[in-house]
Every structure is written in C-alpha cells, then in structure tokens.
Amino acid sequence: MTISKEATNNHEELFPGRVSTLKQTDPELVEYFDNFAFDEVLGHGDLGTRTRLMVQLASMIASQALSEYQVMLGAALTVGVTPVEVKEIVYQAVPYVGMAKVFDFLQATNDVLVERGVELPLTGQSTTTRQTRGEKGLALQKQIIGAGTVESLYASAPKDQVHIQHYLSANCFGDHYTRTGLDAAMRELLTFTMLVSLGGCEAQVKGHVAANLHVGNDRARLIDVLTQLVPYIGYPRTLNGLRVVNEATPP
C-alpha cells in the first residue's frame, strides 16, 4: 500500500514541508491512517477545512490529546483559523471539559501564538458584566436550548441543586456563549463535538443535538462532524454519537 496522491496533497495543505518521523518507524500504520484520515474521510461531507479543523481541535481538548492538538493547532492557523477563534475554542471547552483539563491546552495555545508573533492578550470578546451575565445568559440559554426546556430544568431541580441551574445560565451561557469571536451555531457545534469526544455524556449529547437543530446545524452537519472525528476519537464514541443523532432525527 502507498499513500494516495489525494492524501498527500491534503496533508501537505495542513502541514507544508512536514515529514512525520512515524513514516520511518511505523510506515504501515502511517499509510493506513493517512489514506483514511486525509483521503477517504475528507471525501465525505461539506464542513469546509476551517470548520473541520476547529471541531477537531475541540475534540482533542476533550480527549486530552495535547501533542496532537499542538500539531493540529499549527495546521488550523495555517488554513486561516484566526487566533481569536482558536482562543474561543479553548475558552468554550472550560465549562464542558473543566479548567483542570483545559489548562495545559491554554498554555500550549499561548506558546504557539507567541511563537507566531501574535501579541497577547488578544482583544477581549466578553459582552457581559457580573451584573448582567445572569440575565443575558438565561436569555441566550432559552434561545438556544428552548424556553420550555430551560424552565422545566429550573422547576424540576431539587431545592438543594437549583444553584447549579443558575451556574449553567450565568457561567456556562452568560460568561461563555455570549462572547463574540464565534457565533452560537459554531459554539453549539463545538459543544456537541466535545461532549461526544468526552464519552459517557449521551444525556448531554442528546440535549445539544436539539440545541444544534435550534441554531441551524441540521442532521447532515452533525453527521459530517462525527465523520471527521472518527480517525481521532475512534468508533465507539463516534457510534454512540450517531445513535443519539439518530434518536433525535430519525433517518
């Protein structure tokens, strides 16, 4: 087997002039993977290169794949993903993956940006204050998730857990979703990606499949995302994600 011309060209677009050391140590695996990830898989769907790289970066954060993230971050910047968009991907991961797991990715992102001559900090993207984050977050949460669903979550929460619902509104949505740099549709696509990549989050995946549909990401787009994740998260988590999508939007 040899690496196809299509795979070679796609790989070169992302990693100009880069020669993987694995070609010398593990040539058979590299041939299988490159032909699959950079030819066969890329031939499916219509995500576009920038969007594909953005969801893959989000997936790698959730998967704790730091080394691969650093490699793919360079590729993302090469194809035009902006420093602001990259930072917003990392920030969006905090409420879903947790700061303890995101911290190293934030540091790695800063290192790569500085190496490329990007001055930090970047222009701020926040649109809320401590006084407005709760109200604005709740309003956006209702817009994305659905007012009835959000009101039901508040109404059904035990008294000793209502504060978690307030955190979701003010912190998850008020602090993060209201930021500029990425629109709501992209943020929901990233959230769906991270939840699938984390594994064991099928209940939350179900909720965010519905949220994606609310913001215009249809069944085909979600399947395209899952397809592009297969080489990086494997089949079990991909198939779990597909099952949830099929339950929400029957084929």
Protein backbone atom coordinates (compact mmCIF):
# COMPACT_ATOMS: atom_id res chain seq x y z
CA MET A 1 0.00 0.00 0.00
CA THR A 2 1.14 3.55 -0.69
CA ILE A 3 -0.19 6.90 0.47
CA SER A 4 -2.59 8.23 -2.15
CA LYS A 5 -1.99 11.43 -4.06
CA GLU A 6 -5.14 12.93 -2.54
CA ALA A 7 -3.99 12.13 0.99
CA THR A 8 -0.54 13.51 0.26
CA ASN A 9 -1.95 16.77 -1.12
CA ASN A 10 -4.38 17.21 1.78
CA HIS A 11 -1.64 16.51 4.30
CA GLU A 12 0.69 18.99 2.60
CA GLU A 13 -2.02 21.69 2.72
CA LEU A 14 -2.16 21.37 6.51
CA PHE A 15 1.50 20.63 7.22
CA PRO A 16 3.63 22.21 4.47
CA GLY A 17 7.00 20.52 4.27
CA ARG A 18 6.45 18.46 7.42
CA VAL A 19 7.75 14.87 7.35
CA SER A 20 6.40 12.61 10.09
CA THR A 21 9.02 10.58 11.95
CA LEU A 22 6.42 7.82 12.11
CA LYS A 23 6.93 7.24 8.39
CA GLN A 24 10.29 5.76 9.32
CA THR A 25 9.28 3.88 12.47
CA ASP A 26 5.70 2.85 11.64
CA PRO A 27 5.26 3.12 7.86
CA GLU A 28 2.33 0.69 7.58
CA LEU A 29 0.24 2.47 10.22
CA VAL A 30 1.00 5.86 8.69
CA GLU A 31 -0.16 4.59 5.29
CA TYR A 32 -3.40 3.24 6.74
CA PHE A 33 -4.07 6.37 8.77
CA ASP A 34 -3.16 8.97 6.14
CA ASN A 35 -5.19 7.25 3.43
CA PHE A 36 -8.15 7.01 5.80
CA ALA A 37 -7.99 10.38 7.59
CA PHE A 38 -6.68 12.58 4.77
CA ASP A 39 -8.36 10.95 1.77
CA GLU A 40 -11.31 8.67 2.50
CA VAL A 41 -12.78 10.63 5.42
CA LEU A 42 -12.11 14.05 3.91
CA GLY A 43 -14.06 12.96 0.86
CA HIS A 44 -17.27 12.84 2.88
CA GLY A 45 -19.48 15.78 3.71
CA ASP A 46 -19.18 19.52 3.30
CA LEU A 47 -17.78 21.01 6.52
CA GLY A 48 -15.03 23.04 4.92
CA THR A 49 -11.41 22.97 6.03
CA ARG A 50 -11.64 25.68 8.70
CA THR A 51 -14.70 24.22 10.38
CA ARG A 52 -13.24 20.73 10.25
CA LEU A 53 -10.04 21.88 11.97
CA MET A 54 -12.00 23.81 14.60
CA VAL A 55 -14.12 20.85 15.65
CA GLN A 56 -11.09 18.59 15.63
CA LEU A 57 -9.25 20.96 17.96
CA ALA A 58 -12.23 20.97 20.32
CA SER A 59 -12.33 17.17 20.19
CA MET A 60 -8.63 16.90 21.03
CA ILE A 61 -9.08 19.12 24.08
CA ALA A 62 -11.90 16.90 25.31
CA SER A 63 -9.84 13.80 24.53
CA GLN A 64 -6.80 15.23 26.35
CA ALA A 65 -4.69 14.69 23.23
CA LEU A 66 -2.23 17.52 23.87
CA SER A 67 0.53 16.52 21.46
CA GLU A 68 -1.89 16.01 18.57
CA TYR A 69 -3.64 19.27 19.50
CA GLN A 70 -0.39 21.19 19.17
CA VAL A 71 0.24 19.69 15.73
CA MET A 72 -3.31 20.38 14.55
CA LEU A 73 -3.27 23.89 16.01
CA GLY A 74 -0.45 24.75 13.64
CA ALA A 75 -2.49 23.33 10.78
CA ALA A 76 -5.57 25.31 11.81
CA LEU A 77 -3.64 28.58 11.86
CA THR A 78 -2.09 27.70 8.50
CA VAL A 79 -5.51 27.35 6.82
CA GLY A 80 -6.88 30.58 8.25
CA VAL A 81 -8.43 29.83 11.64
CA THR A 82 -7.76 33.08 13.49
CA PRO A 83 -6.06 33.47 16.87
CA VAL A 84 -9.35 34.79 18.30
CA GLU A 85 -11.23 31.73 17.04
CA VAL A 86 -8.59 29.40 18.47
CA LYS A 87 -8.75 31.09 21.87
CA GLU A 88 -12.55 30.94 21.83
CA ILE A 89 -12.42 27.19 21.16
CA VAL A 90 -10.24 26.76 24.23
CA TYR A 91 -12.43 29.04 26.35
CA GLN A 92 -15.58 27.23 25.19
CA ALA A 93 -14.07 23.99 26.48
CA VAL A 94 -13.77 25.23 30.06
CA PRO A 95 -17.44 24.76 31.14
CA TYR A 96 -17.65 21.36 29.45
CA VAL A 97 -14.23 19.79 29.96
CA GLY A 98 -13.20 21.68 33.10
CA MET A 99 -10.36 24.10 33.73
CA ALA A 100 -8.18 21.37 35.25
CA LYS A 101 -8.10 19.62 31.87
CA VAL A 102 -8.10 22.74 29.70
CA PHE A 103 -5.22 24.49 31.49
CA ASP A 104 -2.40 22.74 29.59
CA PHE A 105 -4.15 23.38 26.26
CA LEU A 106 -4.47 27.08 27.07
CA GLN A 107 -0.76 27.25 27.87
CA ALA A 108 0.13 25.34 24.70
CA THR A 109 -2.09 27.65 22.63
CA ASN A 110 -0.42 30.72 24.09
CA ASP A 111 3.02 29.27 23.34
CA VAL A 112 2.13 28.58 19.70
CA LEU A 113 0.59 32.02 19.21
CA VAL A 114 3.58 33.79 20.73
CA GLU A 115 5.94 31.75 18.55
CA ARG A 116 3.98 33.02 15.54
CA GLY A 117 4.33 36.62 16.63
CA VAL A 118 0.80 37.09 18.00
CA GLU A 119 0.68 39.64 20.81
CA LEU A 120 -1.17 38.53 23.92
CA PRO A 121 -3.62 39.17 25.39
CA LEU A 122 -5.92 39.28 22.39
CA THR A 123 -8.73 41.80 22.11
CA GLY A 124 -11.40 40.96 24.68
CA GLN A 125 -14.54 39.20 23.47
CA SER A 126 -16.69 39.41 26.60
CA THR A 127 -20.08 41.13 26.30
CA THR A 128 -21.34 40.75 29.87
CA THR A 129 -20.53 42.01 33.36
CA ARG A 130 -21.05 40.46 36.78
CA GLN A 131 -24.30 42.41 36.92
CA THR A 132 -25.63 41.29 33.50
CA ARG A 133 -24.23 37.78 33.00
CA GLY A 134 -27.16 36.04 34.70
CA GLU A 135 -29.90 37.82 32.79
CA LYS A 136 -28.14 37.73 29.42
CA GLY A 137 -27.03 34.15 29.92
CA LEU A 138 -30.52 32.96 30.78
CA ALA A 139 -31.99 34.75 27.77
CA LEU A 140 -29.45 33.17 25.42
CA GLN A 141 -29.84 29.76 27.06
CA LYS A 142 -33.59 29.90 26.40
CA GLN A 143 -32.95 30.99 22.82
CA ILE A 144 -30.55 28.10 22.15
CA ILE A 145 -32.00 25.32 24.30
CA GLY A 146 -35.64 26.36 24.24
CA ALA A 147 -37.52 28.38 26.85
CA GLY A 148 -39.75 25.48 27.86
CA THR A 149 -36.81 23.14 28.36
CA VAL A 150 -34.89 25.66 30.48
CA GLU A 151 -37.93 26.48 32.61
CA SER A 152 -38.50 22.76 33.13
CA LEU A 153 -34.91 22.31 34.29
CA TYR A 154 -35.35 25.03 36.88
CA ALA A 155 -38.76 23.74 38.00
CA SER A 156 -37.64 20.12 38.36
CA ALA A 157 -34.36 20.82 40.15
CA PRO A 158 -34.32 19.83 43.85
CA LYS A 159 -34.06 22.85 46.15
CA ASP A 160 -30.51 21.96 47.10
CA GLN A 161 -29.47 21.88 43.43
CA VAL A 162 -31.15 24.96 41.96
CA HIS A 163 -27.85 26.82 42.29
CA ILE A 164 -26.40 24.52 39.59
CA GLN A 165 -29.09 25.72 37.17
CA HIS A 166 -28.14 29.30 37.97
CA TYR A 167 -24.50 28.43 37.31
CA LEU A 168 -25.45 26.98 33.92
CA SER A 169 -27.30 30.16 32.99
CA ALA A 170 -24.82 32.72 34.30
CA ASN A 171 -21.49 30.92 33.90
CA CYS A 172 -21.86 28.47 31.01
CA PHE A 173 -24.08 30.71 28.91
CA GLY A 174 -23.58 34.17 30.43
CA ASP A 175 -19.80 34.04 30.63
CA HIS A 176 -19.08 31.89 27.56
CA TYR A 177 -21.85 31.70 24.95
CA THR A 178 -22.38 35.47 24.97
CA ARG A 179 -18.79 36.10 23.89
CA THR A 180 -18.01 37.33 20.41
CA GLY A 181 -15.43 35.63 18.20
CA LEU A 182 -17.66 32.65 17.43
CA ASP A 183 -21.38 32.62 16.71
CA ALA A 184 -23.94 30.48 18.52
CA ALA A 185 -24.08 27.88 15.74
CA MET A 186 -20.32 27.28 15.91
CA ARG A 187 -20.32 27.21 19.71
CA GLU A 188 -23.04 24.57 19.69
CA LEU A 189 -21.15 22.52 17.10
CA LEU A 190 -18.06 22.68 19.32
CA THR A 191 -20.07 21.72 22.40
CA PHE A 192 -21.58 18.73 20.59
CA THR A 193 -18.08 17.73 19.49
CA MET A 194 -16.63 17.95 22.99
CA LEU A 195 -19.47 16.03 24.63
CA VAL A 196 -19.18 13.19 22.12
CA SER A 197 -15.40 13.14 22.50
CA LEU A 198 -15.58 13.04 26.30
CA GLY A 199 -17.62 9.83 26.20
CA GLY A 200 -20.28 8.87 28.72
CA CYS A 201 -22.19 12.12 28.14
CA GLU A 202 -25.01 10.78 25.99
CA ALA A 203 -27.71 12.58 28.02
CA GLN A 204 -25.95 15.88 27.43
CA VAL A 205 -25.25 14.99 23.79
CA LYS A 206 -28.99 14.49 23.32
CA GLY A 207 -29.72 17.95 24.72
CA HIS A 208 -27.14 19.57 22.50
CA VAL A 209 -28.30 17.73 19.39
CA ALA A 210 -31.61 19.52 19.99
CA ALA A 211 -29.76 22.79 20.63
CA ASN A 212 -27.80 22.41 17.39
CA LEU A 213 -31.03 21.92 15.49
CA HIS A 214 -32.39 25.11 17.12
CA VAL A 215 -29.43 27.16 15.87
CA GLY A 216 -29.42 25.76 12.34
CA ASN A 217 -26.99 22.83 12.46
CA ASP A 218 -29.02 20.07 10.83
CA ARG A 219 -28.67 16.28 10.92
CA ALA A 220 -26.34 16.25 7.91
CA ARG A 221 -23.97 18.73 9.53
CA LEU A 222 -23.83 16.74 12.78
CA ILE A 223 -23.09 13.54 10.85
CA ASP A 224 -20.37 15.38 8.92
CA VAL A 225 -18.78 16.40 12.22
CA LEU A 226 -18.88 12.87 13.60
CA THR A 227 -17.40 11.54 10.37
CA GLN A 228 -14.43 13.88 10.63
CA LEU A 229 -13.87 12.79 14.23
CA VAL A 230 -13.68 9.05 13.52
CA PRO A 231 -9.90 8.92 12.96
CA TYR A 232 -9.24 10.83 16.19
CA ILE A 233 -11.77 9.52 18.74
CA GLY A 234 -12.35 6.01 17.38
CA TYR A 235 -15.50 4.11 16.56
CA PRO A 236 -17.16 3.52 19.96
CA ARG A 237 -17.64 7.21 20.80
CA THR A 238 -18.49 8.05 17.21
CA LEU A 239 -21.15 5.33 17.10
CA ASN A 240 -22.56 6.49 20.44
CA GLY A 241 -22.86 9.98 18.99
CA LEU A 242 -24.54 8.67 15.85
CA ARG A 243 -27.04 6.75 17.95
CA VAL A 244 -28.08 9.91 19.76
CA VAL A 245 -28.35 11.82 16.47
CA ASN A 246 -30.49 9.04 15.01
CA GLU A 247 -32.79 9.05 18.02
CA ALA A 248 -33.29 12.81 17.76
CA THR A 249 -33.51 12.99 13.96
CA PRO A 250 -34.57 9.61 12.54
CA PRO A 251 -33.05 8.88 9.10
